[in-house]
Amino acid sequence: MEKEIAELQVTLDASKALVSAKEAAEKELLEVRLMEKAEANAEGERGLQELVQKQAAALEKKHEEEIKSLRKELERVNASLEASEQGRERAQAEPEEMTMHVVTPSGSTSR
């Protein structure tokens, strides 16, 4: 009977060891899965950051091109305005020739 008790004790100890090993394995598996999820999330985040950076760079380039275009248009408008102003100043600076035409009762025109 003592032998049977001893065998049962060995079986019980072995079962406890198996349960402990199983729990440790489950815990390790859970940790591995959590690490995999964390790595996947980190990769996804890096991918999103790269995408956002690329979009920001493209948007910045587009805005720079728009600004260049607007500056060229502004220069063109300013040059046109300046030319118009100079023409107006020249026209005001030149003496106007005033010619008077007098019509006489006979129908002839004189100056």
Foldseek 3Di string as FASTA:
>chain_A
DVVVVVVVVVVVVVVVVVVVVVVVVVVVVVVVVVVVVVVVVVVVVVVVVVVVVVVVVVVVVVVVVVVVVVVVVVVVVVVVVVVVVVVVVVVVPDDDDDDDWDADPVGDTDD
